[in-house]
Amino acid sequence: NLLGRYSTTDILLESDLHSRMLQSKLTPNLGNFIPSMKEELLAVLDDELPECKGEVASPPPWASELILHPLLDRWTPVKIHPICLKIVARISARVFVGFPLCRNAEWLETSIQYTENVFRTVVALRLFPKVLQPLVSLFTPQAWKVPQNLHKAQKLIVPLVLERKRAQLTGDPNCPKHNDLLQWMMDAADEREGKPEKLAHRQLLLTLAAIHTSTMAATHVLFDLCARPEYIEDIRTEIVESITVNNGWQKQTLNGMPRLDSFLKESQRVTPPSLCQLLPAQDRSPIAQCSMLTLRYHKWP
């Protein structure tokens, strides 16, 4: 129960357009997105990862097990979760809304904040009886921000939808046929579903399920690799071999990485995503941790 009245998720009850497109279009075509996802990944890594310009320092204990690299003795500390968040947001946007909107800073910020505000609103309002929720929502800052996020998303998506529709109606040969989830939804929607503001709303809701869960999984995988360096070289070798055999990144390239797949699954089994991880560390209490079914043992006294 996402309390759709306050979280703006009640549009999910109007139709299953997004589910139909995910099942019939996105899932069967995931392999075709690998080149564009790789392109976006390289671009966002250049933008978000700092260069190794730090002073020469003693490497971590596990560094000796890695393949030697010219910059191996230089270490730049980073907060990996915000970096993973931006990486996942941009790659998801490349598939959902296409280029160049996937690199629009306002869209990325809105899609990230929307999920956080929705879940914080839901968590806060669930603490109160239903009869009090309308009143409590007036004093919940995140409940104010959710409609603001939606308005920003519509401001960005609606003009894009109208532009694409105009190009289709005029038959402009210079307008490329877009291959993204937004276009598929436009093509499959009926008159009611195809309203630009509703398409924008659904696009924002798709980020609800895509960005933060994937970010949490990627972050924990990197932490687990650092904690278990004995697996790094085997996984690295497997990736290089699969890329070489399949002549680059293809759908079958991923099928040739069973060790990586196993490590990813085990990491998610040990530390599954939860709503608790959307909250700042100082806001988590032992009771809240237990109620979210995810106990972070290193946070306990």
C-alpha atoms as a PDB file:
ATOM      1  CA  ASN A   1       0.000   0.000   0.000  1.00  0.00           C
ATOM      2  CA  LEU A   2       1.837   3.068  -1.287  1.00  0.00           C
ATOM      3  CA  LEU A   3      -0.875   5.492  -0.138  1.00  0.00           C
ATOM      4  CA  GLY A   4      -1.406   6.674  -3.685  1.00  0.00           C
ATOM      5  CA  ARG A   5      -3.371   9.732  -2.629  1.00  0.00           C
ATOM      6  CA  TYR A   6      -0.269  11.187  -0.999  1.00  0.00           C
ATOM      7  CA  SER A   7       2.505   9.528  -3.021  1.00  0.00           C
ATOM      8  CA  THR A   8       0.919  10.135  -6.474  1.00  0.00           C
ATOM      9  CA  THR A   9       1.175   6.407  -7.237  1.00  0.00           C
ATOM     10  CA  ASP A  10      -2.584   6.011  -7.675  1.00  0.00           C
ATOM     11  CA  ILE A  11      -2.116   6.322 -11.442  1.00  0.00           C
ATOM     12  CA  LEU A  12      -0.931   2.695 -11.356  1.00  0.00           C
ATOM     13  CA  LEU A  13      -4.565   1.695 -10.771  1.00  0.00           C
ATOM     14  CA  GLU A  14      -5.783   3.401 -13.936  1.00  0.00           C
ATOM     15  CA  SER A  15      -4.141   1.029 -16.415  1.00  0.00           C
ATOM     16  CA  ASP A  16      -1.272  -1.406 -16.846  1.00  0.00           C
ATOM     17  CA  LEU A  17       0.387   0.387 -19.771  1.00  0.00           C
ATOM     18  CA  HIS A  18       3.808   0.420 -18.124  1.00  0.00           C
ATOM     19  CA  SER A  19       3.609  -3.287 -17.222  1.00  0.00           C
ATOM     20  CA  ARG A  20       2.597  -4.250 -20.748  1.00  0.00           C
ATOM     21  CA  MET A  21       5.498  -2.360 -22.254  1.00  0.00           C
ATOM     22  CA  LEU A  22       8.001  -3.773 -19.784  1.00  0.00           C
ATOM     23  CA  GLN A  23       6.902  -7.324 -20.525  1.00  0.00           C
ATOM     24  CA  SER A  24       6.288  -7.137 -24.257  1.00  0.00           C
ATOM     25  CA  LYS A  25       8.876  -4.575 -25.347  1.00  0.00           C
ATOM     26  CA  LEU A  26      11.646  -3.866 -22.863  1.00  0.00           C
ATOM     27  CA  THR A  27      12.454  -7.366 -21.632  1.00  0.00           C
ATOM     28  CA  PRO A  28      12.664  -8.954 -25.129  1.00  0.00           C
ATOM     29  CA  ASN A  29      14.792  -6.028 -26.394  1.00  0.00           C
ATOM     30  CA  LEU A  30      17.251  -5.693 -23.508  1.00  0.00           C
ATOM     31  CA  GLY A  31      20.040  -7.141 -25.620  1.00  0.00           C
ATOM     32  CA  ASN A  32      19.601  -4.378 -28.197  1.00  0.00           C
ATOM     33  CA  PHE A  33      20.206  -1.750 -25.521  1.00  0.00           C
ATOM     34  CA  ILE A  34      23.642  -3.018 -24.523  1.00  0.00           C
ATOM     35  CA  PRO A  35      25.595  -0.744 -26.943  1.00  0.00           C
ATOM     36  CA  SER A  36      23.739   2.399 -25.866  1.00  0.00           C
ATOM     37  CA  MET A  37      23.974   1.417 -22.192  1.00  0.00           C
ATOM     38  CA  LYS A  38      27.712   0.874 -22.578  1.00  0.00           C
ATOM     39  CA  GLU A  39      28.042   4.261 -24.256  1.00  0.00           C
ATOM     40  CA  GLU A  40      26.151   5.943 -21.425  1.00  0.00           C
ATOM     41  CA  LEU A  41      28.168   4.072 -18.797  1.00  0.00           C
ATOM     42  CA  LEU A  42      31.473   5.273 -20.247  1.00  0.00           C
ATOM     43  CA  ALA A  43      30.145   8.837 -20.417  1.00  0.00           C
ATOM     44  CA  VAL A  44      28.877   8.883 -16.835  1.00  0.00           C
ATOM     45  CA  LEU A  45      32.100   7.311 -15.520  1.00  0.00           C
ATOM     46  CA  ASP A  46      34.063  10.120 -17.144  1.00  0.00           C
ATOM     47  CA  ASP A  47      31.742  12.665 -15.550  1.00  0.00           C
ATOM     48  CA  GLU A  48      31.420  11.224 -12.056  1.00  0.00           C
ATOM     49  CA  LEU A  49      34.584   9.305 -11.179  1.00  0.00           C
ATOM     50  CA  PRO A  50      37.434  11.515  -9.960  1.00  0.00           C
ATOM     51  CA  GLU A  51      40.892  11.055 -11.386  1.00  0.00           C
ATOM     52  CA  CYS A  52      43.570   9.438  -9.271  1.00  0.00           C
ATOM     53  CA  LYS A  53      45.410  12.636  -8.412  1.00  0.00           C
ATOM     54  CA  GLY A  54      45.986  11.889  -4.768  1.00  0.00           C
ATOM     55  CA  GLU A  55      49.389  11.624  -3.190  1.00  0.00           C
ATOM     56  CA  VAL A  56      51.241   8.356  -3.390  1.00  0.00           C
ATOM     57  CA  ALA A  57      50.098   6.307  -0.425  1.00  0.00           C
ATOM     58  CA  SER A  58      50.263   2.786   0.858  1.00  0.00           C
ATOM     59  CA  PRO A  59      47.652   0.757  -1.040  1.00  0.00           C
ATOM     60  CA  PRO A  60      44.991  -1.238   0.815  1.00  0.00           C
ATOM     61  CA  PRO A  61      45.994  -4.768   1.862  1.00  0.00           C
ATOM     62  CA  TRP A  62      43.995  -6.353  -0.958  1.00  0.00           C
ATOM     63  CA  ALA A  63      45.596  -4.240  -3.716  1.00  0.00           C
ATOM     64  CA  SER A  64      48.550  -6.615  -4.082  1.00  0.00           C
ATOM     65  CA  GLU A  65      46.171  -9.212  -5.483  1.00  0.00           C
ATOM     66  CA  LEU A  66      45.109  -6.978  -8.394  1.00  0.00           C
ATOM     67  CA  ILE A  67      46.714  -6.711 -11.814  1.00  0.00           C
ATOM     68  CA  LEU A  68      49.398  -4.024 -11.623  1.00  0.00           C
ATOM     69  CA  HIS A  69      48.307  -0.655 -12.965  1.00  0.00           C
ATOM     70  CA  PRO A  70      50.344   2.562 -13.422  1.00  0.00           C
ATOM     71  CA  LEU A  71      48.100   4.402 -10.960  1.00  0.00           C
ATOM     72  CA  LEU A  72      47.823   1.569  -8.472  1.00  0.00           C
ATOM     73  CA  ASP A  73      49.823   3.494  -5.881  1.00  0.00           C
ATOM     74  CA  ARG A  74      47.496   6.508  -6.038  1.00  0.00           C
ATOM     75  CA  TRP A  75      44.218   6.445  -4.147  1.00  0.00           C
ATOM     76  CA  THR A  76      41.372   8.915  -4.238  1.00  0.00           C
ATOM     77  CA  PRO A  77      38.693   8.322  -1.588  1.00  0.00           C
ATOM     78  CA  VAL A  78      35.104   8.516  -2.845  1.00  0.00           C
ATOM     79  CA  LYS A  79      31.609   8.083  -1.467  1.00  0.00           C
ATOM     80  CA  ILE A  80      30.540   5.272  -3.739  1.00  0.00           C
ATOM     81  CA  HIS A  81      26.779   5.308  -3.141  1.00  0.00           C
ATOM     82  CA  PRO A  82      26.158   8.783  -4.649  1.00  0.00           C
ATOM     83  CA  ILE A  83      28.318   7.843  -7.633  1.00  0.00           C
ATOM     84  CA  CYS A  84      26.433   4.577  -8.186  1.00  0.00           C
ATOM     85  CA  LEU A  85      23.166   6.494  -7.853  1.00  0.00           C
ATOM     86  CA  LYS A  86      24.070   8.838 -10.689  1.00  0.00           C
ATOM     87  CA  ILE A  87      25.377   5.989 -12.842  1.00  0.00           C
ATOM     88  CA  VAL A  88      22.198   3.934 -12.474  1.00  0.00           C
ATOM     89  CA  ALA A  89      19.974   6.993 -12.959  1.00  0.00           C
ATOM     90  CA  ARG A  90      21.623   7.901 -16.253  1.00  0.00           C
ATOM     91  CA  ILE A  91      21.687   4.390 -17.677  1.00  0.00           C
ATOM     92  CA  SER A  92      18.041   3.861 -16.712  1.00  0.00           C
ATOM     93  CA  ALA A  93      17.096   7.186 -18.263  1.00  0.00           C
ATOM     94  CA  ARG A  94      18.867   6.239 -21.499  1.00  0.00           C
ATOM     95  CA  VAL A  95      16.544   3.240 -21.796  1.00  0.00           C
ATOM     96  CA  PHE A  96      13.410   4.985 -20.495  1.00  0.00           C
ATOM     97  CA  VAL A  97      13.467   8.411 -22.182  1.00  0.00           C
ATOM     98  CA  GLY A  98      16.442   8.239 -24.537  1.00  0.00           C
ATOM     99  CA  PHE A  99      19.134  10.724 -25.445  1.00  0.00           C
ATOM    100  CA  PRO A 100      19.617  13.645 -24.700  1.00  0.00           C
ATOM    101  CA  LEU A 101      17.106  13.846 -21.817  1.00  0.00           C
ATOM    102  CA  CYS A 102      19.001  11.050 -20.053  1.00  0.00           C
ATOM    103  CA  ARG A 103      21.791  13.583 -19.404  1.00  0.00           C
ATOM    104  CA  ASN A 104      19.525  16.401 -18.276  1.00  0.00           C
ATOM    105  CA  ALA A 105      20.569  17.294 -14.729  1.00  0.00           C
ATOM    106  CA  GLU A 106      17.069  18.410 -13.723  1.00  0.00           C
ATOM    107  CA  TRP A 107      15.490  15.144 -14.890  1.00  0.00           C
ATOM    108  CA  LEU A 108      18.105  13.048 -13.112  1.00  0.00           C
ATOM    109  CA  GLU A 109      17.746  15.005  -9.885  1.00  0.00           C
ATOM    110  CA  THR A 110      13.953  14.789 -10.060  1.00  0.00           C
ATOM    111  CA  SER A 111      13.911  11.045 -10.711  1.00  0.00           C
ATOM    112  CA  ILE A 112      16.270  10.427  -7.783  1.00  0.00           C
ATOM    113  CA  GLN A 113      14.465  12.674  -5.332  1.00  0.00           C
ATOM    114  CA  TYR A 114      10.997  11.421  -6.290  1.00  0.00           C
ATOM    115  CA  THR A 115      11.685   7.898  -5.054  1.00  0.00           C
ATOM    116  CA  GLU A 116      13.169   9.131  -1.793  1.00  0.00           C
ATOM    117  CA  ASN A 117      10.269  11.498  -1.137  1.00  0.00           C
ATOM    118  CA  VAL A 118       7.629   8.884  -1.999  1.00  0.00           C
ATOM    119  CA  PHE A 119       8.976   6.258   0.370  1.00  0.00           C
ATOM    120  CA  ARG A 120       9.657   8.701   3.179  1.00  0.00           C
ATOM    121  CA  THR A 121       6.095   9.956   2.827  1.00  0.00           C
ATOM    122  CA  VAL A 122       4.710   6.426   2.936  1.00  0.00           C
ATOM    123  CA  VAL A 123       6.834   5.413   5.925  1.00  0.00           C
ATOM    124  CA  ALA A 124       5.853   8.537   7.865  1.00  0.00           C
ATOM    125  CA  LEU A 125       2.107   8.345   7.163  1.00  0.00           C
ATOM    126  CA  ARG A 126       1.848   4.627   7.903  1.00  0.00           C
ATOM    127  CA  LEU A 127       2.677   5.424  11.509  1.00  0.00           C
ATOM    128  CA  PHE A 128      -0.729   7.083  11.884  1.00  0.00           C
ATOM    129  CA  PRO A 129      -4.321   5.821  11.558  1.00  0.00           C
ATOM    130  CA  LYS A 130      -5.908   6.406   8.172  1.00  0.00           C
ATOM    131  CA  VAL A 131      -8.254   9.007   9.590  1.00  0.00           C
ATOM    132  CA  LEU A 132      -5.289  11.167  10.653  1.00  0.00           C
ATOM    133  CA  GLN A 133      -3.216  10.801   7.494  1.00  0.00           C
ATOM    134  CA  PRO A 134      -4.762  13.789   5.641  1.00  0.00           C
ATOM    135  CA  LEU A 135      -3.871  16.038   8.551  1.00  0.00           C
ATOM    136  CA  VAL A 136      -0.405  14.563   9.089  1.00  0.00           C
ATOM    137  CA  SER A 137       0.435  14.910   5.393  1.00  0.00           C
ATOM    138  CA  LEU A 138       0.078  18.683   5.737  1.00  0.00           C
ATOM    139  CA  PHE A 139       2.983  18.659   8.206  1.00  0.00           C
ATOM    140  CA  THR A 140       5.162  16.146   6.326  1.00  0.00           C
ATOM    141  CA  PRO A 141       7.761  17.950   4.170  1.00  0.00           C
ATOM    142  CA  GLN A 142       8.296  14.974   1.873  1.00  0.00           C
ATOM    143  CA  ALA A 143       4.570  14.885   1.102  1.00  0.00           C
ATOM    144  CA  TRP A 144       4.840  18.443  -0.224  1.00  0.00           C
ATOM    145  CA  LYS A 145       7.870  17.588  -2.347  1.00  0.00           C
ATOM    146  CA  VAL A 146       6.284  14.624  -4.189  1.00  0.00           C
ATOM    147  CA  PRO A 147       3.856  16.811  -6.231  1.00  0.00           C
ATOM    148  CA  GLN A 148       6.724  19.228  -6.890  1.00  0.00           C
ATOM    149  CA  ASN A 149       8.805  16.367  -8.314  1.00  0.00           C
ATOM    150  CA  LEU A 150       5.879  15.311 -10.495  1.00  0.00           C
ATOM    151  CA  HIS A 151       5.415  18.855 -11.800  1.00  0.00           C
ATOM    152  CA  LYS A 152       9.105  19.087 -12.736  1.00  0.00           C
ATOM    153  CA  ALA A 153       8.936  15.727 -14.528  1.00  0.00           C
ATOM    154  CA  GLN A 154       5.896  16.796 -16.522  1.00  0.00           C
ATOM    155  CA  LYS A 155       7.606  20.062 -17.431  1.00  0.00           C
ATOM    156  CA  LEU A 156      10.430  18.056 -19.018  1.00  0.00           C
ATOM    157  CA  ILE A 157       8.551  15.097 -20.524  1.00  0.00           C
ATOM    158  CA  VAL A 158       5.387  16.757 -21.883  1.00  0.00           C
ATOM    159  CA  PRO A 159       7.239  18.955 -24.441  1.00  0.00           C
ATOM    160  CA  LEU A 160       9.244  15.906 -25.540  1.00  0.00           C
ATOM    161  CA  VAL A 161       6.067  13.868 -26.095  1.00  0.00           C
ATOM    162  CA  LEU A 162       4.400  16.705 -28.028  1.00  0.00           C
ATOM    163  CA  GLU A 163       7.487  17.170 -30.179  1.00  0.00           C
ATOM    164  CA  ARG A 164       7.575  13.486 -31.072  1.00  0.00           C
ATOM    165  CA  LYS A 165       3.871  13.465 -31.878  1.00  0.00           C
ATOM    166  CA  ARG A 166       4.231  16.496 -34.150  1.00  0.00           C
ATOM    167  CA  ALA A 167       7.099  14.815 -36.001  1.00  0.00           C
ATOM    168  CA  GLN A 168       5.006  11.669 -36.498  1.00  0.00           C
ATOM    169  CA  LEU A 169       1.997  13.626 -37.798  1.00  0.00           C
ATOM    170  CA  THR A 170       4.048  15.679 -40.239  1.00  0.00           C
ATOM    171  CA  GLY A 171       6.031  12.675 -41.407  1.00  0.00           C
ATOM    172  CA  ASP A 172       9.313  14.535 -41.023  1.00  0.00           C
ATOM    173  CA  PRO A 173      11.962  12.270 -42.650  1.00  0.00           C
ATOM    174  CA  ASN A 174      14.699  13.973 -40.627  1.00  0.00           C
ATOM    175  CA  CYS A 175      13.108  12.898 -37.348  1.00  0.00           C
ATOM    176  CA  PRO A 176      14.587   9.557 -36.236  1.00  0.00           C
ATOM    177  CA  LYS A 177      12.376   6.782 -34.924  1.00  0.00           C
ATOM    178  CA  HIS A 178      13.056   6.695 -31.220  1.00  0.00           C
ATOM    179  CA  ASN A 179      13.749   3.346 -29.617  1.00  0.00           C
ATOM    180  CA  ASP A 180      13.033   3.818 -25.931  1.00  0.00           C
ATOM    181  CA  LEU A 181      10.354   3.002 -23.396  1.00  0.00           C
ATOM    182  CA  LEU A 182       8.687   6.392 -23.730  1.00  0.00           C
ATOM    183  CA  GLN A 183       8.175   5.891 -27.466  1.00  0.00           C
ATOM    184  CA  TRP A 184       6.802   2.394 -26.966  1.00  0.00           C
ATOM    185  CA  MET A 185       4.325   3.712 -24.426  1.00  0.00           C
ATOM    186  CA  MET A 186       3.275   6.469 -26.837  1.00  0.00           C
ATOM    187  CA  ASP A 187       2.720   3.940 -29.618  1.00  0.00           C
ATOM    188  CA  ALA A 188       0.716   1.507 -27.482  1.00  0.00           C
ATOM    189  CA  ALA A 189      -1.329   3.943 -25.397  1.00  0.00           C
ATOM    190  CA  ASP A 190      -5.002   4.613 -26.000  1.00  0.00           C
ATOM    191  CA  GLU A 191      -6.406   8.136 -25.973  1.00  0.00           C
ATOM    192  CA  ARG A 192      -6.624   8.308 -22.188  1.00  0.00           C
ATOM    193  CA  GLU A 193      -3.296   6.616 -21.480  1.00  0.00           C
ATOM    194  CA  GLY A 194      -1.511   8.672 -24.136  1.00  0.00           C
ATOM    195  CA  LYS A 195      -2.071  12.067 -22.561  1.00  0.00           C
ATOM    196  CA  PRO A 196       1.403  13.663 -22.270  1.00  0.00           C
ATOM    197  CA  GLU A 197       1.075  14.447 -18.566  1.00  0.00           C
ATOM    198  CA  LYS A 198       0.102  10.833 -17.817  1.00  0.00           C
ATOM    199  CA  LEU A 199       3.014   9.493 -19.847  1.00  0.00           C
ATOM    200  CA  ALA A 200       5.317  11.778 -17.874  1.00  0.00           C
ATOM    201  CA  HIS A 201       3.789  10.535 -14.630  1.00  0.00           C
ATOM    202  CA  ARG A 202       4.358   6.898 -15.590  1.00  0.00           C
ATOM    203  CA  GLN A 203       7.940   7.604 -16.593  1.00  0.00           C
ATOM    204  CA  LEU A 204       8.606   9.017 -13.155  1.00  0.00           C
ATOM    205  CA  LEU A 205       6.996   5.990 -11.521  1.00  0.00           C
ATOM    206  CA  LEU A 206       9.253   3.663 -13.498  1.00  0.00           C
ATOM    207  CA  THR A 207      12.258   5.298 -11.873  1.00  0.00           C
ATOM    208  CA  LEU A 208      10.667   4.419  -8.536  1.00  0.00           C
ATOM    209  CA  ALA A 209      11.388   0.752  -9.160  1.00  0.00           C
ATOM    210  CA  ALA A 210      14.589   1.052 -11.173  1.00  0.00           C
ATOM    211  CA  ILE A 211      17.046   3.485  -9.649  1.00  0.00           C
ATOM    212  CA  HIS A 212      17.428   3.016  -5.906  1.00  0.00           C
ATOM    213  CA  THR A 213      17.150  -0.779  -5.736  1.00  0.00           C
ATOM    214  CA  SER A 214      19.800  -1.184  -8.457  1.00  0.00           C
ATOM    215  CA  THR A 215      21.987   1.427  -6.776  1.00  0.00           C
ATOM    216  CA  MET A 216      21.816  -0.359  -3.431  1.00  0.00           C
ATOM    217  CA  ALA A 217      22.701  -3.654  -5.094  1.00  0.00           C
ATOM    218  CA  ALA A 218      25.672  -2.158  -6.975  1.00  0.00           C
ATOM    219  CA  THR A 219      26.958  -0.391  -3.877  1.00  0.00           C
ATOM    220  CA  HIS A 220      26.879  -3.549  -1.760  1.00  0.00           C
ATOM    221  CA  VAL A 221      28.571  -5.547  -4.522  1.00  0.00           C
ATOM    222  CA  LEU A 222      31.496  -3.124  -4.518  1.00  0.00           C
ATOM    223  CA  PHE A 223      31.713  -3.245  -0.720  1.00  0.00           C
ATOM    224  CA  ASP A 224      31.603  -7.054  -0.824  1.00  0.00           C
ATOM    225  CA  LEU A 225      34.388  -7.155  -3.412  1.00  0.00           C
ATOM    226  CA  CYS A 226      36.564  -4.954  -1.222  1.00  0.00           C
ATOM    227  CA  ALA A 227      35.823  -7.184   1.773  1.00  0.00           C
ATOM    228  CA  ARG A 228      36.587 -10.369  -0.218  1.00  0.00           C
ATOM    229  CA  PRO A 229      39.470  -9.467  -2.563  1.00  0.00           C
ATOM    230  CA  GLU A 230      40.232 -13.121  -3.293  1.00  0.00           C
ATOM    231  CA  TYR A 231      37.350 -13.113  -5.803  1.00  0.00           C
ATOM    232  CA  ILE A 232      38.428 -10.018  -7.741  1.00  0.00           C
ATOM    233  CA  GLU A 233      40.985 -11.599 -10.057  1.00  0.00           C
ATOM    234  CA  ASP A 234      38.811 -14.597 -10.981  1.00  0.00           C
ATOM    235  CA  ILE A 235      35.853 -12.349 -11.817  1.00  0.00           C
ATOM    236  CA  ARG A 236      38.055  -9.943 -13.765  1.00  0.00           C
ATOM    237  CA  THR A 237      39.565 -12.803 -15.795  1.00  0.00           C
ATOM    238  CA  GLU A 238      36.116 -14.228 -16.554  1.00  0.00           C
ATOM    239  CA  ILE A 239      34.871 -10.835 -17.798  1.00  0.00           C
ATOM    240  CA  VAL A 240      37.891 -10.318 -20.068  1.00  0.00           C
ATOM    241  CA  GLU A 241      37.575 -13.827 -21.520  1.00  0.00           C
ATOM    242  CA  SER A 242      33.866 -13.450 -22.228  1.00  0.00           C
ATOM    243  CA  ILE A 243      34.364 -10.071 -23.923  1.00  0.00           C
ATOM    244  CA  THR A 244      37.178 -11.506 -26.041  1.00  0.00           C
ATOM    245  CA  VAL A 245      35.258 -14.611 -27.090  1.00  0.00           C
ATOM    246  CA  ASN A 246      32.130 -12.663 -28.017  1.00  0.00           C
ATOM    247  CA  ASN A 247      33.949  -9.781 -29.738  1.00  0.00           C
ATOM    248  CA  GLY A 248      32.784  -7.118 -27.320  1.00  0.00           C
ATOM    249  CA  TRP A 249      29.729  -6.449 -25.235  1.00  0.00           C
ATOM    250  CA  GLN A 250      26.803  -8.464 -26.593  1.00  0.00           C
ATOM    251  CA  LYS A 251      23.859 -10.198 -24.948  1.00  0.00           C
ATOM    252  CA  GLN A 252      25.734 -13.500 -25.040  1.00  0.00           C
ATOM    253  CA  THR A 253      28.711 -11.803 -23.382  1.00  0.00           C
ATOM    254  CA  LEU A 254      26.742 -11.549 -20.152  1.00  0.00           C
ATOM    255  CA  ASN A 255      25.784 -15.227 -20.391  1.00  0.00           C
ATOM    256  CA  GLY A 256      29.471 -16.078 -20.240  1.00  0.00           C
ATOM    257  CA  MET A 257      29.968 -14.638 -16.747  1.00  0.00           C
ATOM    258  CA  PRO A 258      28.587 -17.241 -14.298  1.00  0.00           C
ATOM    259  CA  ARG A 259      31.047 -16.287 -11.541  1.00  0.00           C
ATOM    260  CA  LEU A 260      30.046 -12.632 -11.707  1.00  0.00           C
ATOM    261  CA  ASP A 261      26.391 -13.626 -11.771  1.00  0.00           C
ATOM    262  CA  SER A 262      26.881 -15.840  -8.732  1.00  0.00           C
ATOM    263  CA  PHE A 263      28.673 -13.071  -6.817  1.00  0.00           C
ATOM    264  CA  LEU A 264      25.915 -10.573  -7.620  1.00  0.00           C
ATOM    265  CA  LYS A 265      23.205 -12.963  -6.444  1.00  0.00           C
ATOM    266  CA  GLU A 266      25.025 -13.839  -3.241  1.00  0.00           C
ATOM    267  CA  SER A 267      25.622 -10.173  -2.445  1.00  0.00           C
ATOM    268  CA  GLN A 268      21.922  -9.435  -2.828  1.00  0.00           C
ATOM    269  CA  ARG A 269      21.023 -12.465  -0.732  1.00  0.00           C
ATOM    270  CA  VAL A 270      23.240 -11.339   2.125  1.00  0.00           C
ATOM    271  CA  THR A 271      22.212  -7.670   1.912  1.00  0.00           C
ATOM    272  CA  PRO A 272      18.867  -7.321   0.149  1.00  0.00           C
ATOM    273  CA  PRO A 273      17.565  -3.828  -0.673  1.00  0.00           C
ATOM    274  CA  SER A 274      15.115  -2.363   1.823  1.00  0.00           C
ATOM    275  CA  LEU A 275      13.305   0.867   2.577  1.00  0.00           C
ATOM    276  CA  CYS A 276      15.574   1.281   5.589  1.00  0.00           C
ATOM    277  CA  GLN A 277      18.520   1.962   3.292  1.00  0.00           C
ATOM    278  CA  LEU A 278      16.773   4.995   1.823  1.00  0.00           C
ATOM    279  CA  LEU A 279      16.998   6.734   5.197  1.00  0.00           C
ATOM    280  CA  PRO A 280      20.088   8.545   6.499  1.00  0.00           C
ATOM    281  CA  ALA A 281      22.072   6.500   8.999  1.00  0.00           C
ATOM    282  CA  GLN A 282      21.291   8.886  11.845  1.00  0.00           C
ATOM    283  CA  ASP A 283      17.547   8.329  11.275  1.00  0.00           C
ATOM    284  CA  ARG A 284      17.739   4.578  11.751  1.00  0.00           C
ATOM    285  CA  SER A 285      16.948   3.073  15.110  1.00  0.00           C
ATOM    286  CA  PRO A 286      17.096  -0.602  16.214  1.00  0.00           C
ATOM    287  CA  ILE A 287      13.283  -0.720  16.106  1.00  0.00           C
ATOM    288  CA  ALA A 288      13.176   0.740  12.602  1.00  0.00           C
ATOM    289  CA  GLN A 289      15.832  -1.702  11.455  1.00  0.00           C
ATOM    290  CA  CYS A 290      13.920  -4.674  12.787  1.00  0.00           C
ATOM    291  CA  SER A 291      10.677  -3.490  11.242  1.00  0.00           C
ATOM    292  CA  MET A 292      12.350  -3.221   7.838  1.00  0.00           C
ATOM    293  CA  LEU A 293      13.616  -6.818   8.062  1.00  0.00           C
ATOM    294  CA  THR A 294      17.174  -5.698   7.347  1.00  0.00           C
ATOM    295  CA  LEU A 295      19.604  -5.614  10.261  1.00  0.00           C
ATOM    296  CA  ARG A 296      22.822  -3.720   9.677  1.00  0.00           C
ATOM    297  CA  TYR A 297      24.918  -5.303  12.412  1.00  0.00           C
ATOM    298  CA  HIS A 298      27.699  -2.708  12.168  1.00  0.00           C
ATOM    299  CA  LYS A 299      25.213   0.008  13.164  1.00  0.00           C
ATOM    300  CA  TRP A 300      24.442  -1.602  16.517  1.00  0.00           C
ATOM    301  CA  PRO A 301      26.340  -0.480  19.612  1.00  0.00           C
END
